[in-house]
Amino acid sequence: MSELSRPERVIFALAAIVLVMGGMKAASGLLVPGLLALFIAIVCTEPMYWMIERGSPKWVAILVVLIGLLGLSSLVPLVITGSYVQFTLQLPVYQERADLLFEQSSAWIQDYGYDSDSLRAIFDPAAALGYVQVVLAALGGISVPILPDHAARDFYPRRCAKVT
């Protein structure tokens, strides 16, 4: 077999990269949890070896790290859920503040020759707050309406009454 020329090697290298990337995309359902588990294992080995060096039995070190990991993994959803609940309770305040800022921005942008409809086409405060709420809910594993029109109807009845 003859030696490949430089353009052929580049084409084969690019094809190999595309194949590897496609394989990674196809295997992402297994690859992402596996890489996360690998990361957690690497992070947890240092405290475990530190306890073993201080004279703790290996099983105690593993148990302490495991309990700490379970406690931390239980604490994160609780914090996010608490943030979600507080955000939902404060949502009317945020909505009024966003409306006020929007009105001030509309007045300011009119000085430059634009109207408030063009600003609303770029940024809608109600939609932005709805997306923040959906993201917080998704992080905390809380079920909320995902469709923006449902979210708008549920959480912004005053604004939806104006539209309909």
C-alpha atoms as a PDB file:
ATOM      1  CA  MET A   1       0.000   0.000   0.000  1.00  0.00           C
ATOM      2  CA  SER A   2       1.391   3.384  -0.922  1.00  0.00           C
ATOM      3  CA  GLU A   3       1.980   6.280   1.452  1.00  0.00           C
ATOM      4  CA  LEU A   4      -0.977   8.668   1.794  1.00  0.00           C
ATOM      5  CA  SER A   5      -0.544  12.236   0.653  1.00  0.00           C
ATOM      6  CA  ARG A   6      -1.023  15.128   3.099  1.00  0.00           C
ATOM      7  CA  PRO A   7      -4.561  16.068   1.897  1.00  0.00           C
ATOM      8  CA  GLU A   8      -5.647  12.430   2.183  1.00  0.00           C
ATOM      9  CA  ARG A   9      -4.308  12.219   5.746  1.00  0.00           C
ATOM     10  CA  VAL A  10      -6.146  15.415   6.675  1.00  0.00           C
ATOM     11  CA  ILE A  11      -9.390  14.101   5.172  1.00  0.00           C
ATOM     12  CA  PHE A  12      -9.029  10.772   7.011  1.00  0.00           C
ATOM     13  CA  ALA A  13      -8.248  12.588  10.273  1.00  0.00           C
ATOM     14  CA  LEU A  14     -11.310  14.817   9.890  1.00  0.00           C
ATOM     15  CA  ALA A  15     -13.466  11.801   9.044  1.00  0.00           C
ATOM     16  CA  ALA A  16     -12.178  10.022  12.152  1.00  0.00           C
ATOM     17  CA  ILE A  17     -12.970  13.059  14.300  1.00  0.00           C
ATOM     18  CA  VAL A  18     -16.502  13.248  12.857  1.00  0.00           C
ATOM     19  CA  LEU A  19     -17.037   9.537  13.511  1.00  0.00           C
ATOM     20  CA  VAL A  20     -15.798   9.804  17.090  1.00  0.00           C
ATOM     21  CA  MET A  21     -17.949  12.867  17.754  1.00  0.00           C
ATOM     22  CA  GLY A  22     -20.993  11.141  16.233  1.00  0.00           C
ATOM     23  CA  GLY A  23     -20.353   8.073  18.351  1.00  0.00           C
ATOM     24  CA  MET A  24     -20.073  10.224  21.461  1.00  0.00           C
ATOM     25  CA  LYS A  25     -23.342  11.965  20.584  1.00  0.00           C
ATOM     26  CA  ALA A  26     -25.077   8.637  20.013  1.00  0.00           C
ATOM     27  CA  ALA A  27     -23.699   7.235  23.274  1.00  0.00           C
ATOM     28  CA  SER A  28     -24.371  10.382  25.311  1.00  0.00           C
ATOM     29  CA  GLY A  29     -27.052   8.580  27.288  1.00  0.00           C
ATOM     30  CA  LEU A  30     -24.346   6.311  28.702  1.00  0.00           C
ATOM     31  CA  LEU A  31     -21.356   8.592  28.348  1.00  0.00           C
ATOM     32  CA  VAL A  32     -22.616  11.545  30.397  1.00  0.00           C
ATOM     33  CA  PRO A  33     -23.616   9.540  33.504  1.00  0.00           C
ATOM     34  CA  GLY A  34     -20.389   7.535  33.212  1.00  0.00           C
ATOM     35  CA  LEU A  35     -18.239  10.655  33.067  1.00  0.00           C
ATOM     36  CA  LEU A  36     -20.173  12.160  35.973  1.00  0.00           C
ATOM     37  CA  ALA A  37     -19.604   9.007  38.022  1.00  0.00           C
ATOM     38  CA  LEU A  38     -15.909   9.096  37.136  1.00  0.00           C
ATOM     39  CA  PHE A  39     -15.675  12.737  38.210  1.00  0.00           C
ATOM     40  CA  ILE A  40     -17.424  12.048  41.524  1.00  0.00           C
ATOM     41  CA  ALA A  41     -15.164   9.038  42.158  1.00  0.00           C
ATOM     42  CA  ILE A  42     -12.030  11.103  41.511  1.00  0.00           C
ATOM     43  CA  VAL A  43     -13.232  13.904  43.781  1.00  0.00           C
ATOM     44  CA  CYS A  44     -14.143  11.454  46.577  1.00  0.00           C
ATOM     45  CA  THR A  45     -10.850   9.550  46.579  1.00  0.00           C
ATOM     46  CA  GLU A  46      -8.860  12.389  48.146  1.00  0.00           C
ATOM     47  CA  PRO A  47     -10.912  12.602  51.383  1.00  0.00           C
ATOM     48  CA  MET A  48     -10.980   8.810  51.581  1.00  0.00           C
ATOM     49  CA  TYR A  49      -7.184   8.499  51.277  1.00  0.00           C
ATOM     50  CA  TRP A  50      -6.732  11.380  53.727  1.00  0.00           C
ATOM     51  CA  MET A  51      -8.767   9.498  56.353  1.00  0.00           C
ATOM     52  CA  ILE A  52      -6.885   6.260  55.647  1.00  0.00           C
ATOM     53  CA  GLU A  53      -3.545   8.060  56.099  1.00  0.00           C
ATOM     54  CA  ARG A  54      -4.789   9.373  59.473  1.00  0.00           C
ATOM     55  CA  GLY A  55      -5.367   5.810  60.650  1.00  0.00           C
ATOM     56  CA  SER A  56      -9.037   5.185  59.884  1.00  0.00           C
ATOM     57  CA  PRO A  57      -9.926   1.733  58.609  1.00  0.00           C
ATOM     58  CA  LYS A  58     -10.664   1.636  54.914  1.00  0.00           C
ATOM     59  CA  TRP A  59     -14.305   0.661  55.413  1.00  0.00           C
ATOM     60  CA  VAL A  60     -14.852   3.610  57.793  1.00  0.00           C
ATOM     61  CA  ALA A  61     -13.300   6.028  55.301  1.00  0.00           C
ATOM     62  CA  ILE A  62     -15.483   4.694  52.488  1.00  0.00           C
ATOM     63  CA  LEU A  63     -18.587   4.841  54.689  1.00  0.00           C
ATOM     64  CA  VAL A  64     -17.899   8.423  55.807  1.00  0.00           C
ATOM     65  CA  VAL A  65     -17.295   9.577  52.217  1.00  0.00           C
ATOM     66  CA  LEU A  66     -20.422   7.756  51.041  1.00  0.00           C
ATOM     67  CA  ILE A  67     -22.573   9.293  53.786  1.00  0.00           C
ATOM     68  CA  GLY A  68     -21.132  12.725  53.012  1.00  0.00           C
ATOM     69  CA  LEU A  69     -21.842  12.248  49.310  1.00  0.00           C
ATOM     70  CA  LEU A  70     -25.418  11.115  49.990  1.00  0.00           C
ATOM     71  CA  GLY A  71     -25.951  14.056  52.343  1.00  0.00           C
ATOM     72  CA  LEU A  72     -24.611  16.522  49.786  1.00  0.00           C
ATOM     73  CA  SER A  73     -26.664  15.029  46.967  1.00  0.00           C
ATOM     74  CA  SER A  74     -29.773  15.294  49.169  1.00  0.00           C
ATOM     75  CA  LEU A  75     -29.013  18.866  50.198  1.00  0.00           C
ATOM     76  CA  VAL A  76     -28.700  20.324  46.678  1.00  0.00           C
ATOM     77  CA  PRO A  77     -32.291  19.573  45.585  1.00  0.00           C
ATOM     78  CA  LEU A  78     -33.582  20.911  48.916  1.00  0.00           C
ATOM     79  CA  VAL A  79     -31.777  24.212  48.428  1.00  0.00           C
ATOM     80  CA  ILE A  80     -32.980  24.524  44.839  1.00  0.00           C
ATOM     81  CA  THR A  81     -36.538  23.630  45.841  1.00  0.00           C
ATOM     82  CA  GLY A  82     -36.426  26.254  48.581  1.00  0.00           C
ATOM     83  CA  SER A  83     -35.165  28.811  46.081  1.00  0.00           C
ATOM     84  CA  TYR A  84     -37.949  27.854  43.692  1.00  0.00           C
ATOM     85  CA  VAL A  85     -40.624  28.256  46.370  1.00  0.00           C
ATOM     86  CA  GLN A  86     -39.251  31.642  47.438  1.00  0.00           C
ATOM     87  CA  PHE A  87     -39.020  32.753  43.824  1.00  0.00           C
ATOM     88  CA  THR A  88     -42.621  31.696  43.191  1.00  0.00           C
ATOM     89  CA  LEU A  89     -43.811  33.569  46.276  1.00  0.00           C
ATOM     90  CA  GLN A  90     -41.899  36.698  45.248  1.00  0.00           C
ATOM     91  CA  LEU A  91     -42.908  36.444  41.585  1.00  0.00           C
ATOM     92  CA  PRO A  92     -45.554  39.212  41.714  1.00  0.00           C
ATOM     93  CA  VAL A  93     -42.976  41.581  43.222  1.00  0.00           C
ATOM     94  CA  TYR A  94     -40.454  40.646  40.541  1.00  0.00           C
ATOM     95  CA  GLN A  95     -43.107  41.059  37.847  1.00  0.00           C
ATOM     96  CA  GLU A  96     -44.031  44.561  39.013  1.00  0.00           C
ATOM     97  CA  ARG A  97     -40.355  45.519  39.242  1.00  0.00           C
ATOM     98  CA  ALA A  98     -39.699  44.120  35.765  1.00  0.00           C
ATOM     99  CA  ASP A  99     -42.690  46.048  34.394  1.00  0.00           C
ATOM    100  CA  LEU A 100     -41.420  49.250  36.018  1.00  0.00           C
ATOM    101  CA  LEU A 101     -37.940  48.753  34.604  1.00  0.00           C
ATOM    102  CA  PHE A 102     -39.440  47.965  31.216  1.00  0.00           C
ATOM    103  CA  GLU A 103     -41.487  51.168  31.247  1.00  0.00           C
ATOM    104  CA  GLN A 104     -38.401  53.174  32.242  1.00  0.00           C
ATOM    105  CA  SER A 105     -36.397  51.514  29.492  1.00  0.00           C
ATOM    106  CA  SER A 106     -39.176  52.229  27.002  1.00  0.00           C
ATOM    107  CA  ALA A 107     -39.096  55.910  27.922  1.00  0.00           C
ATOM    108  CA  TRP A 108     -35.313  55.966  27.619  1.00  0.00           C
ATOM    109  CA  ILE A 109     -35.235  54.125  24.296  1.00  0.00           C
ATOM    110  CA  GLN A 110     -37.853  56.472  22.811  1.00  0.00           C
ATOM    111  CA  ASP A 111     -35.263  59.243  23.114  1.00  0.00           C
ATOM    112  CA  TYR A 112     -33.272  57.336  20.481  1.00  0.00           C
ATOM    113  CA  GLY A 113     -36.155  57.017  18.048  1.00  0.00           C
ATOM    114  CA  TYR A 114     -37.450  53.532  18.895  1.00  0.00           C
ATOM    115  CA  ASP A 115     -40.863  52.655  20.205  1.00  0.00           C
ATOM    116  CA  SER A 116     -41.711  50.371  23.115  1.00  0.00           C
ATOM    117  CA  ASP A 117     -43.068  47.681  20.768  1.00  0.00           C
ATOM    118  CA  SER A 118     -39.594  47.181  19.298  1.00  0.00           C
ATOM    119  CA  LEU A 119     -38.206  46.794  22.820  1.00  0.00           C
ATOM    120  CA  ARG A 120     -40.944  44.290  23.660  1.00  0.00           C
ATOM    121  CA  ALA A 121     -40.066  42.338  20.502  1.00  0.00           C
ATOM    122  CA  ILE A 122     -36.499  42.024  21.813  1.00  0.00           C
ATOM    123  CA  PHE A 123     -37.230  41.400  25.490  1.00  0.00           C
ATOM    124  CA  ASP A 124     -40.434  40.398  27.258  1.00  0.00           C
ATOM    125  CA  PRO A 125     -40.100  40.537  31.072  1.00  0.00           C
ATOM    126  CA  ALA A 126     -42.994  38.110  31.632  1.00  0.00           C
ATOM    127  CA  ALA A 127     -41.426  35.500  29.384  1.00  0.00           C
ATOM    128  CA  ALA A 128     -38.012  35.980  31.008  1.00  0.00           C
ATOM    129  CA  LEU A 129     -39.383  35.438  34.515  1.00  0.00           C
ATOM    130  CA  GLY A 130     -41.343  32.424  33.284  1.00  0.00           C
ATOM    131  CA  TYR A 131     -38.161  30.903  31.852  1.00  0.00           C
ATOM    132  CA  VAL A 132     -36.289  31.529  35.105  1.00  0.00           C
ATOM    133  CA  GLN A 133     -39.040  29.748  36.976  1.00  0.00           C
ATOM    134  CA  VAL A 134     -38.972  26.786  34.590  1.00  0.00           C
ATOM    135  CA  VAL A 135     -35.170  26.501  34.931  1.00  0.00           C
ATOM    136  CA  LEU A 136     -35.336  26.589  38.738  1.00  0.00           C
ATOM    137  CA  ALA A 137     -38.109  24.008  38.694  1.00  0.00           C
ATOM    138  CA  ALA A 138     -36.153  21.741  36.381  1.00  0.00           C
ATOM    139  CA  LEU A 139     -33.065  21.965  38.585  1.00  0.00           C
ATOM    140  CA  GLY A 140     -35.107  21.084  41.646  1.00  0.00           C
ATOM    141  CA  GLY A 141     -37.085  18.336  39.930  1.00  0.00           C
ATOM    142  CA  ILE A 142     -40.375  20.158  40.453  1.00  0.00           C
ATOM    143  CA  SER A 143     -43.155  19.744  37.925  1.00  0.00           C
ATOM    144  CA  VAL A 144     -44.404  22.998  36.372  1.00  0.00           C
ATOM    145  CA  PRO A 145     -46.053  23.793  33.068  1.00  0.00           C
ATOM    146  CA  ILE A 146     -43.282  23.904  30.474  1.00  0.00           C
ATOM    147  CA  LEU A 147     -45.210  25.632  27.694  1.00  0.00           C
ATOM    148  CA  PRO A 148     -44.749  29.416  27.914  1.00  0.00           C
ATOM    149  CA  ASP A 149     -48.452  30.171  27.298  1.00  0.00           C
ATOM    150  CA  HIS A 150     -49.466  27.908  30.209  1.00  0.00           C
ATOM    151  CA  ALA A 151     -46.824  29.480  32.413  1.00  0.00           C
ATOM    152  CA  ALA A 152     -47.972  32.927  31.423  1.00  0.00           C
ATOM    153  CA  ARG A 153     -51.615  32.128  32.138  1.00  0.00           C
ATOM    154  CA  ASP A 154     -50.834  30.560  35.513  1.00  0.00           C
ATOM    155  CA  PHE A 155     -48.320  33.063  36.790  1.00  0.00           C
ATOM    156  CA  TYR A 156     -49.215  36.297  34.999  1.00  0.00           C
ATOM    157  CA  PRO A 157     -53.009  36.485  34.916  1.00  0.00           C
ATOM    158  CA  ARG A 158     -52.986  40.308  34.926  1.00  0.00           C
ATOM    159  CA  ARG A 159     -50.889  40.508  31.760  1.00  0.00           C
ATOM    160  CA  CYS A 160     -52.768  37.687  29.994  1.00  0.00           C
ATOM    161  CA  ALA A 161     -56.090  39.398  30.720  1.00  0.00           C
ATOM    162  CA  LYS A 162     -54.813  42.419  28.765  1.00  0.00           C
ATOM    163  CA  VAL A 163     -53.825  40.251  25.796  1.00  0.00           C
ATOM    164  CA  THR A 164     -56.989  38.159  25.528  1.00  0.00           C
END
